[in-house]
Amino acid sequence: MTSTPTASPATRAKPVLSRGAAALARTPTSGPLAALVVAVAVFALTTDTFFNTDNASLIVEQFLVIGTLALGQTLVILTAGIDLANAATMVLGTLVVARLGQETMPAALALVIGIVICTAVGALSGTLVTRLKLPPFIVTLGVLSILTAVNQLYANGESFTVPSGILTWPGTRSYLFGRIEVTYGMGVMLVLAVGLWFALTQTSWGRNIYAVGDDAEAARLTGVHVRRTLLSVYVLAGFIYAVAAWQALGRIPNADPNAFQTGNLESITAVVIGGTSLFGGRGSITGTVLGALVVTVLANGLTQAGIDSLYQQVATGVLVIAAVAVDRIVRGRTA
């Protein structure tokens, strides 16, 4: 009589891990949502000011800028790329709009010119990636270096005060039902997020983005115009960075060349924490919004708790590494 061999612990554990990985792959937003709930609960219990009206308003204002940047970053990362120059592009937009707005140029025209310039920067990056087949990391790292210098040269070490009106319109406050304070910028981001969600999930363009990010060569063989899709992503991302610049001016009516120096890393962090894979082909706008909330709440809560900003950077870095590690595991288990 022979006995049935007993599975090793490693063998027994594998199906459990696979089922867990598959479940996480099906609901990638569950992770950032859980992280957000935990962060809010911890800071609400450990600080006295986290739920103050003024602090809640500050969280929303900070979230709108980083969240809008992260929306553009999401499109690029979905194609297995990355944009290190998105915050620098946004800062250039704020400087151009503010400086032109201070002069005799109508504010609306200054805003249009700023949008065109940011979109052109995105088009430049997209052209270099698609035509010269350069790695997005290298292209955007070079553009980041160029824009950092250009911003300083254009501002000549100065900051520009933004005249009130259309340029600061996103920061205009209103009240829902006479009690709930909102800004017009919240509406702008909501429309942008819903529009991107619809485009990614309900259109052939969105399906092409996922296909290119998953396997560009396979997408090409099935009839997807890979170059055109990639270029459209970078152009649209540039436009979104211009919207982020408008949000930034609405939050603080002052354009500073030294502002948002870590904005690119914060937006990447938001996208990765939100469940979008750095390897491309998987992710969602909903996850990015949740990820941006996690990043904003974490930074704000640590500040309210009196934690040094250097430790805040450590916490953010740990979150990024953990999120990428989880993504790697999930992709490996569900492949």
C-alpha atoms as a PDB file:
ATOM      1  CA  MET A   1       0.000   0.000   0.000  1.00  0.00           C
ATOM      2  CA  THR A   2       1.438   3.315  -1.073  1.00  0.00           C
ATOM      3  CA  SER A   3       0.831   6.598   0.664  1.00  0.00           C
ATOM      4  CA  THR A   4      -0.074   9.799  -1.122  1.00  0.00           C
ATOM      5  CA  PRO A   5       2.872  12.197  -1.073  1.00  0.00           C
ATOM      6  CA  THR A   6       2.364  15.243   1.109  1.00  0.00           C
ATOM      7  CA  ALA A   7       2.784  18.638  -0.551  1.00  0.00           C
ATOM      8  CA  SER A   8       5.575  20.784   0.765  1.00  0.00           C
ATOM      9  CA  PRO A   9       4.718  24.034   2.600  1.00  0.00           C
ATOM     10  CA  ALA A  10       5.917  26.040  -0.410  1.00  0.00           C
ATOM     11  CA  THR A  11       3.695  24.019  -2.730  1.00  0.00           C
ATOM     12  CA  ARG A  12       0.679  24.378  -0.438  1.00  0.00           C
ATOM     13  CA  ALA A  13       1.206  28.154  -0.125  1.00  0.00           C
ATOM     14  CA  LYS A  14       1.406  28.813  -3.832  1.00  0.00           C
ATOM     15  CA  PRO A  15      -2.335  28.471  -4.681  1.00  0.00           C
ATOM     16  CA  VAL A  16      -3.207  30.762  -1.766  1.00  0.00           C
ATOM     17  CA  LEU A  17      -0.780  33.411  -2.985  1.00  0.00           C
ATOM     18  CA  SER A  18      -2.060  32.999  -6.533  1.00  0.00           C
ATOM     19  CA  ARG A  19      -5.671  33.443  -5.450  1.00  0.00           C
ATOM     20  CA  GLY A  20      -4.712  36.521  -3.414  1.00  0.00           C
ATOM     21  CA  ALA A  21      -2.730  37.970  -6.304  1.00  0.00           C
ATOM     22  CA  ALA A  22      -5.584  37.298  -8.705  1.00  0.00           C
ATOM     23  CA  ALA A  23      -8.050  38.998  -6.359  1.00  0.00           C
ATOM     24  CA  LEU A  24      -5.765  42.008  -6.034  1.00  0.00           C
ATOM     25  CA  ALA A  25      -5.389  42.159  -9.802  1.00  0.00           C
ATOM     26  CA  ARG A  26      -9.182  42.182 -10.202  1.00  0.00           C
ATOM     27  CA  THR A  27      -9.662  44.996  -7.685  1.00  0.00           C
ATOM     28  CA  PRO A  28      -6.453  47.076  -7.790  1.00  0.00           C
ATOM     29  CA  THR A  29      -8.155  50.068  -6.152  1.00  0.00           C
ATOM     30  CA  SER A  30      -8.772  48.139  -2.941  1.00  0.00           C
ATOM     31  CA  GLY A  31      -5.161  48.654  -1.833  1.00  0.00           C
ATOM     32  CA  PRO A  32      -5.047  52.470  -2.095  1.00  0.00           C
ATOM     33  CA  LEU A  33      -8.562  52.741  -0.667  1.00  0.00           C
ATOM     34  CA  ALA A  34      -7.541  50.712   2.388  1.00  0.00           C
ATOM     35  CA  ALA A  35      -4.351  52.778   2.746  1.00  0.00           C
ATOM     36  CA  LEU A  36      -6.385  55.989   2.599  1.00  0.00           C
ATOM     37  CA  VAL A  37      -8.828  54.804   5.273  1.00  0.00           C
ATOM     38  CA  VAL A  38      -5.988  53.733   7.562  1.00  0.00           C
ATOM     39  CA  ALA A  39      -4.086  57.010   7.072  1.00  0.00           C
ATOM     40  CA  VAL A  40      -7.159  59.136   7.814  1.00  0.00           C
ATOM     41  CA  ALA A  41      -7.981  57.067  10.899  1.00  0.00           C
ATOM     42  CA  VAL A  42      -4.435  57.234  12.275  1.00  0.00           C
ATOM     43  CA  PHE A  43      -4.051  60.983  11.814  1.00  0.00           C
ATOM     44  CA  ALA A  44      -7.536  61.672  13.142  1.00  0.00           C
ATOM     45  CA  LEU A  45      -6.639  59.814  16.341  1.00  0.00           C
ATOM     46  CA  THR A  46      -3.095  61.150  16.771  1.00  0.00           C
ATOM     47  CA  THR A  47      -3.599  64.829  15.948  1.00  0.00           C
ATOM     48  CA  ASP A  48      -6.095  67.436  17.091  1.00  0.00           C
ATOM     49  CA  THR A  49      -6.029  69.521  13.924  1.00  0.00           C
ATOM     50  CA  PHE A  50      -6.369  66.970  11.128  1.00  0.00           C
ATOM     51  CA  PHE A  51     -10.128  67.341  10.792  1.00  0.00           C
ATOM     52  CA  ASN A  52     -10.168  71.107  11.243  1.00  0.00           C
ATOM     53  CA  THR A  53     -12.010  72.947   8.502  1.00  0.00           C
ATOM     54  CA  ASP A  54      -8.929  74.916   7.506  1.00  0.00           C
ATOM     55  CA  ASN A  55      -6.763  71.791   7.338  1.00  0.00           C
ATOM     56  CA  ALA A  56      -9.363  69.883   5.336  1.00  0.00           C
ATOM     57  CA  SER A  57      -9.462  72.775   2.870  1.00  0.00           C
ATOM     58  CA  LEU A  58      -5.660  72.724   2.655  1.00  0.00           C
ATOM     59  CA  ILE A  59      -5.667  68.979   1.909  1.00  0.00           C
ATOM     60  CA  VAL A  60      -8.103  69.492  -0.952  1.00  0.00           C
ATOM     61  CA  GLU A  61      -6.046  72.341  -2.439  1.00  0.00           C
ATOM     62  CA  GLN A  62      -2.840  70.313  -2.263  1.00  0.00           C
ATOM     63  CA  PHE A  63      -4.597  67.287  -3.713  1.00  0.00           C
ATOM     64  CA  LEU A  64      -5.953  69.164  -6.721  1.00  0.00           C
ATOM     65  CA  VAL A  65      -2.490  70.137  -7.992  1.00  0.00           C
ATOM     66  CA  ILE A  66      -0.768  66.781  -7.396  1.00  0.00           C
ATOM     67  CA  GLY A  67      -3.858  64.871  -8.461  1.00  0.00           C
ATOM     68  CA  THR A  68      -4.101  66.728 -11.767  1.00  0.00           C
ATOM     69  CA  LEU A  69      -0.393  66.147 -12.430  1.00  0.00           C
ATOM     70  CA  ALA A  70      -0.926  62.473 -11.628  1.00  0.00           C
ATOM     71  CA  LEU A  71      -3.745  62.176 -14.175  1.00  0.00           C
ATOM     72  CA  GLY A  72      -1.361  63.127 -16.967  1.00  0.00           C
ATOM     73  CA  GLN A  73       1.337  60.897 -15.512  1.00  0.00           C
ATOM     74  CA  THR A  74      -1.118  57.985 -15.513  1.00  0.00           C
ATOM     75  CA  LEU A  75      -1.539  58.149 -19.275  1.00  0.00           C
ATOM     76  CA  VAL A  76       2.214  58.022 -19.814  1.00  0.00           C
ATOM     77  CA  ILE A  77       2.816  55.190 -17.339  1.00  0.00           C
ATOM     78  CA  LEU A  78      -0.010  53.133 -18.860  1.00  0.00           C
ATOM     79  CA  THR A  79       2.085  53.027 -22.045  1.00  0.00           C
ATOM     80  CA  ALA A  80       5.069  51.696 -20.027  1.00  0.00           C
ATOM     81  CA  GLY A  81       6.694  55.142 -20.047  1.00  0.00           C
ATOM     82  CA  ILE A  82       7.357  57.741 -17.392  1.00  0.00           C
ATOM     83  CA  ASP A  83       7.420  61.543 -17.343  1.00  0.00           C
ATOM     84  CA  LEU A  84       9.994  63.073 -15.037  1.00  0.00           C
ATOM     85  CA  ALA A  85       9.391  66.561 -16.451  1.00  0.00           C
ATOM     86  CA  ASN A  86       5.687  66.938 -15.697  1.00  0.00           C
ATOM     87  CA  ALA A  87       6.100  69.228 -12.663  1.00  0.00           C
ATOM     88  CA  ALA A  88       8.732  71.335 -14.435  1.00  0.00           C
ATOM     89  CA  THR A  89       6.347  71.677 -17.377  1.00  0.00           C
ATOM     90  CA  MET A  90       3.626  72.821 -14.996  1.00  0.00           C
ATOM     91  CA  VAL A  91       5.942  75.366 -13.354  1.00  0.00           C
ATOM     92  CA  LEU A  92       6.867  76.748 -16.786  1.00  0.00           C
ATOM     93  CA  GLY A  93       3.156  77.159 -17.469  1.00  0.00           C
ATOM     94  CA  THR A  94       2.617  79.088 -14.240  1.00  0.00           C
ATOM     95  CA  LEU A  95       5.560  81.391 -14.973  1.00  0.00           C
ATOM     96  CA  VAL A  96       4.503  82.157 -18.538  1.00  0.00           C
ATOM     97  CA  VAL A  97       0.879  82.777 -17.619  1.00  0.00           C
ATOM     98  CA  ALA A  98       1.719  84.905 -14.575  1.00  0.00           C
ATOM     99  CA  ARG A  99       4.360  87.005 -16.308  1.00  0.00           C
ATOM    100  CA  LEU A 100       2.224  87.652 -19.380  1.00  0.00           C
ATOM    101  CA  GLY A 101      -0.762  88.337 -17.150  1.00  0.00           C
ATOM    102  CA  GLN A 102       1.207  91.032 -15.331  1.00  0.00           C
ATOM    103  CA  GLU A 103       1.811  92.828 -18.609  1.00  0.00           C
ATOM    104  CA  THR A 104      -0.695  94.369 -20.966  1.00  0.00           C
ATOM    105  CA  MET A 105      -1.771  91.018 -22.419  1.00  0.00           C
ATOM    106  CA  PRO A 106      -5.358  89.946 -21.573  1.00  0.00           C
ATOM    107  CA  ALA A 107      -5.430  87.275 -18.892  1.00  0.00           C
ATOM    108  CA  ALA A 108      -7.411  84.824 -21.032  1.00  0.00           C
ATOM    109  CA  LEU A 109      -4.861  85.058 -23.844  1.00  0.00           C
ATOM    110  CA  ALA A 110      -2.007  84.567 -21.375  1.00  0.00           C
ATOM    111  CA  LEU A 111      -3.733  81.419 -20.127  1.00  0.00           C
ATOM    112  CA  VAL A 112      -4.157  80.097 -23.677  1.00  0.00           C
ATOM    113  CA  ILE A 113      -0.474  80.717 -24.431  1.00  0.00           C
ATOM    114  CA  GLY A 114       0.523  78.869 -21.255  1.00  0.00           C
ATOM    115  CA  ILE A 115      -1.654  75.910 -22.256  1.00  0.00           C
ATOM    116  CA  VAL A 116      -0.141  75.855 -25.743  1.00  0.00           C
ATOM    117  CA  ILE A 117       3.423  75.918 -24.371  1.00  0.00           C
ATOM    118  CA  CYS A 118       2.809  73.059 -21.922  1.00  0.00           C
ATOM    119  CA  THR A 119       1.109  71.023 -24.647  1.00  0.00           C
ATOM    120  CA  ALA A 120       4.050  71.716 -26.969  1.00  0.00           C
ATOM    121  CA  VAL A 121       6.480  70.403 -24.359  1.00  0.00           C
ATOM    122  CA  GLY A 122       4.439  67.205 -24.184  1.00  0.00           C
ATOM    123  CA  ALA A 123       4.461  66.986 -27.979  1.00  0.00           C
ATOM    124  CA  LEU A 124       8.246  67.414 -28.009  1.00  0.00           C
ATOM    125  CA  SER A 125       8.736  64.565 -25.537  1.00  0.00           C
ATOM    126  CA  GLY A 126       6.316  62.384 -27.476  1.00  0.00           C
ATOM    127  CA  THR A 127       8.089  63.088 -30.765  1.00  0.00           C
ATOM    128  CA  LEU A 128      11.474  62.158 -29.326  1.00  0.00           C
ATOM    129  CA  VAL A 129      10.048  58.936 -27.916  1.00  0.00           C
ATOM    130  CA  THR A 130       8.156  57.908 -31.049  1.00  0.00           C
ATOM    131  CA  ARG A 131      10.399  59.144 -33.864  1.00  0.00           C
ATOM    132  CA  LEU A 132      13.852  58.612 -32.410  1.00  0.00           C
ATOM    133  CA  LYS A 133      12.735  55.633 -30.295  1.00  0.00           C
ATOM    134  CA  LEU A 134      14.481  57.015 -27.235  1.00  0.00           C
ATOM    135  CA  PRO A 135      13.547  55.639 -23.795  1.00  0.00           C
ATOM    136  CA  PRO A 136      10.913  57.845 -22.101  1.00  0.00           C
ATOM    137  CA  PHE A 137      13.028  57.955 -18.942  1.00  0.00           C
ATOM    138  CA  ILE A 138      15.986  59.469 -20.801  1.00  0.00           C
ATOM    139  CA  VAL A 139      13.853  61.862 -22.839  1.00  0.00           C
ATOM    140  CA  THR A 140      11.930  63.259 -19.898  1.00  0.00           C
ATOM    141  CA  LEU A 141      15.042  63.392 -17.720  1.00  0.00           C
ATOM    142  CA  GLY A 142      16.663  65.571 -20.391  1.00  0.00           C
ATOM    143  CA  VAL A 143      13.535  67.719 -20.720  1.00  0.00           C
ATOM    144  CA  LEU A 144      13.463  68.083 -16.921  1.00  0.00           C
ATOM    145  CA  SER A 145      17.047  69.357 -16.913  1.00  0.00           C
ATOM    146  CA  ILE A 146      16.316  71.803 -19.736  1.00  0.00           C
ATOM    147  CA  LEU A 147      13.111  73.126 -18.196  1.00  0.00           C
ATOM    148  CA  THR A 148      14.700  73.551 -14.779  1.00  0.00           C
ATOM    149  CA  ALA A 149      17.239  75.910 -16.355  1.00  0.00           C
ATOM    150  CA  VAL A 150      14.666  77.582 -18.623  1.00  0.00           C
ATOM    151  CA  ASN A 151      12.368  78.299 -15.685  1.00  0.00           C
ATOM    152  CA  GLN A 152      15.165  79.990 -13.776  1.00  0.00           C
ATOM    153  CA  LEU A 153      16.308  81.992 -16.803  1.00  0.00           C
ATOM    154  CA  TYR A 154      12.788  83.054 -17.722  1.00  0.00           C
ATOM    155  CA  ALA A 155      11.983  84.169 -14.175  1.00  0.00           C
ATOM    156  CA  ASN A 156      15.434  85.681 -13.641  1.00  0.00           C
ATOM    157  CA  GLY A 157      15.287  84.635 -10.007  1.00  0.00           C
ATOM    158  CA  GLU A 158      11.957  86.380  -9.425  1.00  0.00           C
ATOM    159  CA  SER A 159       8.436  85.250  -8.678  1.00  0.00           C
ATOM    160  CA  PHE A 160       5.356  86.722 -10.307  1.00  0.00           C
ATOM    161  CA  THR A 161       2.148  87.715  -8.573  1.00  0.00           C
ATOM    162  CA  VAL A 162      -0.914  86.599 -10.446  1.00  0.00           C
ATOM    163  CA  PRO A 163      -3.688  89.150 -10.973  1.00  0.00           C
ATOM    164  CA  SER A 164      -7.064  87.955  -9.726  1.00  0.00           C
ATOM    165  CA  GLY A 165      -9.656  86.947 -12.266  1.00  0.00           C
ATOM    166  CA  ILE A 166      -9.649  84.075 -14.702  1.00  0.00           C
ATOM    167  CA  LEU A 167      -6.070  83.101 -13.793  1.00  0.00           C
ATOM    168  CA  THR A 168      -7.058  82.424 -10.179  1.00  0.00           C
ATOM    169  CA  TRP A 169     -10.552  81.196 -11.029  1.00  0.00           C
ATOM    170  CA  PRO A 170      -9.906  77.546  -9.951  1.00  0.00           C
ATOM    171  CA  GLY A 171      -9.322  78.783  -6.400  1.00  0.00           C
ATOM    172  CA  THR A 172     -12.672  80.577  -6.205  1.00  0.00           C
ATOM    173  CA  ARG A 173     -14.676  79.208  -3.286  1.00  0.00           C
ATOM    174  CA  SER A 174     -18.347  78.423  -3.235  1.00  0.00           C
ATOM    175  CA  TYR A 175     -20.721  76.451  -1.030  1.00  0.00           C
ATOM    176  CA  LEU A 176     -22.910  73.465  -1.760  1.00  0.00           C
ATOM    177  CA  PHE A 177     -26.222  73.509   0.111  1.00  0.00           C
ATOM    178  CA  GLY A 178     -24.913  76.602   1.868  1.00  0.00           C
ATOM    179  CA  ARG A 179     -22.522  74.569   4.045  1.00  0.00           C
ATOM    180  CA  ILE A 180     -20.033  72.445   2.120  1.00  0.00           C
ATOM    181  CA  GLU A 181     -17.120  74.554   0.900  1.00  0.00           C
ATOM    182  CA  VAL A 182     -15.861  73.721  -2.589  1.00  0.00           C
ATOM    183  CA  THR A 183     -13.656  75.394  -5.168  1.00  0.00           C
ATOM    184  CA  TYR A 184     -14.148  75.622  -8.898  1.00  0.00           C
ATOM    185  CA  GLY A 185     -10.880  73.737  -9.269  1.00  0.00           C
ATOM    186  CA  MET A 186     -12.567  70.685  -7.743  1.00  0.00           C
ATOM    187  CA  GLY A 187     -15.101  70.792 -10.543  1.00  0.00           C
ATOM    188  CA  VAL A 188     -12.342  71.127 -13.141  1.00  0.00           C
ATOM    189  CA  MET A 189     -10.551  68.047 -11.847  1.00  0.00           C
ATOM    190  CA  LEU A 190     -13.788  66.077 -11.573  1.00  0.00           C
ATOM    191  CA  VAL A 191     -14.647  66.790 -15.206  1.00  0.00           C
ATOM    192  CA  LEU A 192     -11.084  65.946 -16.270  1.00  0.00           C
ATOM    193  CA  ALA A 193     -11.011  62.679 -14.298  1.00  0.00           C
ATOM    194  CA  VAL A 194     -14.424  61.549 -15.563  1.00  0.00           C
ATOM    195  CA  GLY A 195     -13.461  62.434 -19.138  1.00  0.00           C
ATOM    196  CA  LEU A 196     -10.228  60.442 -18.907  1.00  0.00           C
ATOM    197  CA  TRP A 197     -12.020  57.516 -17.276  1.00  0.00           C
ATOM    198  CA  PHE A 198     -14.527  57.452 -20.132  1.00  0.00           C
ATOM    199  CA  ALA A 199     -11.805  57.746 -22.783  1.00  0.00           C
ATOM    200  CA  LEU A 200      -9.741  54.922 -21.295  1.00  0.00           C
ATOM    201  CA  THR A 201     -12.598  52.514 -20.661  1.00  0.00           C
ATOM    202  CA  GLN A 202     -15.127  53.257 -23.384  1.00  0.00           C
ATOM    203  CA  THR A 203     -13.143  54.192 -26.499  1.00  0.00           C
ATOM    204  CA  SER A 204     -10.834  52.415 -28.929  1.00  0.00           C
ATOM    205  CA  TRP A 205      -8.162  55.031 -28.129  1.00  0.00           C
ATOM    206  CA  GLY A 206      -8.199  53.942 -24.504  1.00  0.00           C
ATOM    207  CA  ARG A 207      -8.009  50.272 -25.447  1.00  0.00           C
ATOM    208  CA  ASN A 208      -5.069  51.057 -27.695  1.00  0.00           C
ATOM    209  CA  ILE A 209      -3.230  52.712 -24.786  1.00  0.00           C
ATOM    210  CA  TYR A 210      -3.583  49.587 -22.656  1.00  0.00           C
ATOM    211  CA  ALA A 211      -2.544  47.403 -25.579  1.00  0.00           C
ATOM    212  CA  VAL A 212       0.576  49.461 -26.287  1.00  0.00           C
ATOM    213  CA  GLY A 213       1.549  49.424 -22.637  1.00  0.00           C
ATOM    214  CA  ASP A 214       1.038  45.691 -22.345  1.00  0.00           C
ATOM    215  CA  ASP A 215       2.998  44.771 -25.492  1.00  0.00           C
ATOM    216  CA  ALA A 216       3.732  47.401 -28.120  1.00  0.00           C
ATOM    217  CA  GLU A 217       4.822  44.899 -30.773  1.00  0.00           C
ATOM    218  CA  ALA A 218       1.739  42.732 -30.305  1.00  0.00           C
ATOM    219  CA  ALA A 219      -0.417  45.861 -30.486  1.00  0.00           C
ATOM    220  CA  ARG A 220       1.261  46.848 -33.764  1.00  0.00           C
ATOM    221  CA  LEU A 221       0.620  43.415 -35.250  1.00  0.00           C
ATOM    222  CA  THR A 222      -3.077  43.712 -34.410  1.00  0.00           C
ATOM    223  CA  GLY A 223      -3.367  46.995 -36.284  1.00  0.00           C
ATOM    224  CA  VAL A 224      -2.772  49.581 -33.556  1.00  0.00           C
ATOM    225  CA  HIS A 225      -0.863  52.662 -34.742  1.00  0.00           C
ATOM    226  CA  VAL A 226       1.648  52.634 -31.887  1.00  0.00           C
ATOM    227  CA  ARG A 227       3.459  55.885 -32.760  1.00  0.00           C
ATOM    228  CA  ARG A 228       0.256  57.846 -33.147  1.00  0.00           C
ATOM    229  CA  THR A 229      -1.129  56.482 -29.886  1.00  0.00           C
ATOM    230  CA  LEU A 230       2.043  57.289 -27.948  1.00  0.00           C
ATOM    231  CA  LEU A 231       2.266  60.805 -29.395  1.00  0.00           C
ATOM    232  CA  SER A 232      -1.368  61.503 -28.517  1.00  0.00           C
ATOM    233  CA  VAL A 233      -0.688  60.405 -24.942  1.00  0.00           C
ATOM    234  CA  TYR A 234       2.228  62.806 -24.474  1.00  0.00           C
ATOM    235  CA  VAL A 235       0.348  65.689 -26.111  1.00  0.00           C
ATOM    236  CA  LEU A 236      -2.699  65.156 -23.907  1.00  0.00           C
ATOM    237  CA  ALA A 237      -0.472  64.787 -20.848  1.00  0.00           C
ATOM    238  CA  GLY A 238       1.133  68.161 -21.658  1.00  0.00           C
ATOM    239  CA  PHE A 239      -2.325  69.726 -21.821  1.00  0.00           C
ATOM    240  CA  ILE A 240      -3.209  68.206 -18.436  1.00  0.00           C
ATOM    241  CA  TYR A 241      -0.012  69.657 -16.937  1.00  0.00           C
ATOM    242  CA  ALA A 242      -1.229  73.045 -18.149  1.00  0.00           C
ATOM    243  CA  VAL A 243      -4.483  72.473 -16.279  1.00  0.00           C
ATOM    244  CA  ALA A 244      -2.392  71.599 -13.211  1.00  0.00           C
ATOM    245  CA  ALA A 245      -0.586  74.939 -13.650  1.00  0.00           C
ATOM    246  CA  TRP A 246      -3.949  76.689 -13.638  1.00  0.00           C
ATOM    247  CA  GLN A 247      -4.885  74.780 -10.490  1.00  0.00           C
ATOM    248  CA  ALA A 248      -1.593  75.850  -8.873  1.00  0.00           C
ATOM    249  CA  LEU A 249      -2.258  79.514  -9.663  1.00  0.00           C
ATOM    250  CA  GLY A 250      -5.734  79.175  -8.189  1.00  0.00           C
ATOM    251  CA  ARG A 251      -4.278  77.740  -5.003  1.00  0.00           C
ATOM    252  CA  ILE A 252      -1.458  80.272  -4.559  1.00  0.00           C
ATOM    253  CA  PRO A 253      -1.625  83.371  -6.823  1.00  0.00           C
ATOM    254  CA  ASN A 254       2.138  83.463  -7.183  1.00  0.00           C
ATOM    255  CA  ALA A 255       4.391  81.806  -9.772  1.00  0.00           C
ATOM    256  CA  ASP A 256       7.763  80.704  -8.407  1.00  0.00           C
ATOM    257  CA  PRO A 257      10.458  78.928 -10.472  1.00  0.00           C
ATOM    258  CA  ASN A 258      11.473  76.945  -7.379  1.00  0.00           C
ATOM    259  CA  ALA A 259       7.995  75.595  -6.668  1.00  0.00           C
ATOM    260  CA  PHE A 260       6.973  71.925  -6.869  1.00  0.00           C
ATOM    261  CA  GLN A 261      10.525  70.589  -7.064  1.00  0.00           C
ATOM    262  CA  THR A 262       9.318  67.134  -5.980  1.00  0.00           C
ATOM    263  CA  GLY A 263       6.030  67.309  -7.849  1.00  0.00           C
ATOM    264  CA  ASN A 264       7.166  64.753 -10.427  1.00  0.00           C
ATOM    265  CA  LEU A 265       8.024  62.203  -7.728  1.00  0.00           C
ATOM    266  CA  GLU A 266       4.792  62.884  -5.849  1.00  0.00           C
ATOM    267  CA  SER A 267       2.736  62.354  -8.992  1.00  0.00           C
ATOM    268  CA  ILE A 268       4.570  59.120  -9.800  1.00  0.00           C
ATOM    269  CA  THR A 269       4.018  57.991  -6.221  1.00  0.00           C
ATOM    270  CA  ALA A 270       0.294  58.720  -6.509  1.00  0.00           C
ATOM    271  CA  VAL A 271       0.015  56.749  -9.754  1.00  0.00           C
ATOM    272  CA  VAL A 272       1.942  53.741  -8.449  1.00  0.00           C
ATOM    273  CA  ILE A 273       0.137  53.655  -5.099  1.00  0.00           C
ATOM    274  CA  GLY A 274      -3.115  53.887  -7.062  1.00  0.00           C
ATOM    275  CA  GLY A 275      -2.400  50.527  -8.673  1.00  0.00           C
ATOM    276  CA  THR A 276      -1.095  51.560 -12.087  1.00  0.00           C
ATOM    277  CA  SER A 277       1.753  49.311 -13.124  1.00  0.00           C
ATOM    278  CA  LEU A 278       5.108  50.907 -13.949  1.00  0.00           C
ATOM    279  CA  PHE A 279       5.475  48.103 -16.490  1.00  0.00           C
ATOM    280  CA  GLY A 280       2.479  49.420 -18.426  1.00  0.00           C
ATOM    281  CA  GLY A 281      -0.857  48.036 -19.524  1.00  0.00           C
ATOM    282  CA  ARG A 282      -2.671  48.063 -16.193  1.00  0.00           C
ATOM    283  CA  GLY A 283      -4.157  50.827 -14.071  1.00  0.00           C
ATOM    284  CA  SER A 284      -7.085  53.196 -13.714  1.00  0.00           C
ATOM    285  CA  ILE A 285      -7.997  56.818 -13.218  1.00  0.00           C
ATOM    286  CA  THR A 286      -9.943  55.921 -10.077  1.00  0.00           C
ATOM    287  CA  GLY A 287      -6.843  54.355  -8.573  1.00  0.00           C
ATOM    288  CA  THR A 288      -4.778  57.427  -9.383  1.00  0.00           C
ATOM    289  CA  VAL A 289      -7.265  59.726  -7.652  1.00  0.00           C
ATOM    290  CA  LEU A 290      -7.149  57.510  -4.563  1.00  0.00           C
ATOM    291  CA  GLY A 291      -3.349  57.367  -4.748  1.00  0.00           C
ATOM    292  CA  ALA A 292      -3.128  61.156  -4.926  1.00  0.00           C
ATOM    293  CA  LEU A 293      -5.353  61.396  -1.865  1.00  0.00           C
ATOM    294  CA  VAL A 294      -3.090  58.951  -0.011  1.00  0.00           C
ATOM    295  CA  VAL A 295       0.026  60.988  -0.871  1.00  0.00           C
ATOM    296  CA  THR A 296      -1.629  64.270   0.125  1.00  0.00           C
ATOM    297  CA  VAL A 297      -3.131  62.940   3.362  1.00  0.00           C
ATOM    298  CA  LEU A 298       0.176  61.319   4.328  1.00  0.00           C
ATOM    299  CA  ALA A 299       2.179  64.518   3.814  1.00  0.00           C
ATOM    300  CA  ASN A 300      -0.404  66.666   5.555  1.00  0.00           C
ATOM    301  CA  GLY A 301      -0.927  64.280   8.461  1.00  0.00           C
ATOM    302  CA  LEU A 302       2.795  63.911   9.133  1.00  0.00           C
ATOM    303  CA  THR A 303       3.117  67.695   9.101  1.00  0.00           C
ATOM    304  CA  GLN A 304       0.220  68.034  11.552  1.00  0.00           C
ATOM    305  CA  ALA A 305       1.932  65.443  13.765  1.00  0.00           C
ATOM    306  CA  GLY A 306       5.128  67.516  13.778  1.00  0.00           C
ATOM    307  CA  ILE A 307       7.198  64.970  11.831  1.00  0.00           C
ATOM    308  CA  ASP A 308      10.256  66.385  10.082  1.00  0.00           C
ATOM    309  CA  SER A 309       9.862  66.724   6.306  1.00  0.00           C
ATOM    310  CA  LEU A 310      12.869  64.451   5.754  1.00  0.00           C
ATOM    311  CA  TYR A 311      11.026  61.599   7.455  1.00  0.00           C
ATOM    312  CA  GLN A 312       8.029  62.375   5.266  1.00  0.00           C
ATOM    313  CA  GLN A 313      10.203  61.748   2.230  1.00  0.00           C
ATOM    314  CA  VAL A 314      11.353  58.475   3.773  1.00  0.00           C
ATOM    315  CA  ALA A 315       7.721  57.408   4.292  1.00  0.00           C
ATOM    316  CA  THR A 316       6.822  58.301   0.719  1.00  0.00           C
ATOM    317  CA  GLY A 317       9.826  56.389  -0.617  1.00  0.00           C
ATOM    318  CA  VAL A 318       8.881  53.299   1.375  1.00  0.00           C
ATOM    319  CA  LEU A 319       5.343  53.482  -0.030  1.00  0.00           C
ATOM    320  CA  VAL A 320       6.629  53.676  -3.601  1.00  0.00           C
ATOM    321  CA  ILE A 321       8.953  50.695  -3.190  1.00  0.00           C
ATOM    322  CA  ALA A 322       6.228  48.668  -1.492  1.00  0.00           C
ATOM    323  CA  ALA A 323       3.692  49.509  -4.202  1.00  0.00           C
ATOM    324  CA  VAL A 324       6.083  48.557  -7.021  1.00  0.00           C
ATOM    325  CA  ALA A 325       7.042  45.343  -5.199  1.00  0.00           C
ATOM    326  CA  VAL A 326       3.378  44.389  -4.828  1.00  0.00           C
ATOM    327  CA  ASP A 327       2.770  45.167  -8.500  1.00  0.00           C
ATOM    328  CA  ARG A 328       5.700  42.975  -9.481  1.00  0.00           C
ATOM    329  CA  ILE A 329       4.406  40.103  -7.378  1.00  0.00           C
ATOM    330  CA  VAL A 330       0.868  40.474  -8.739  1.00  0.00           C
ATOM    331  CA  ARG A 331       2.051  40.491 -12.350  1.00  0.00           C
ATOM    332  CA  GLY A 332       4.225  37.449 -11.725  1.00  0.00           C
ATOM    333  CA  ARG A 333       1.457  35.487 -10.023  1.00  0.00           C
ATOM    334  CA  THR A 334      -1.241  36.371 -12.573  1.00  0.00           C
ATOM    335  CA  ALA A 335       0.922  36.011 -15.703  1.00  0.00           C
END
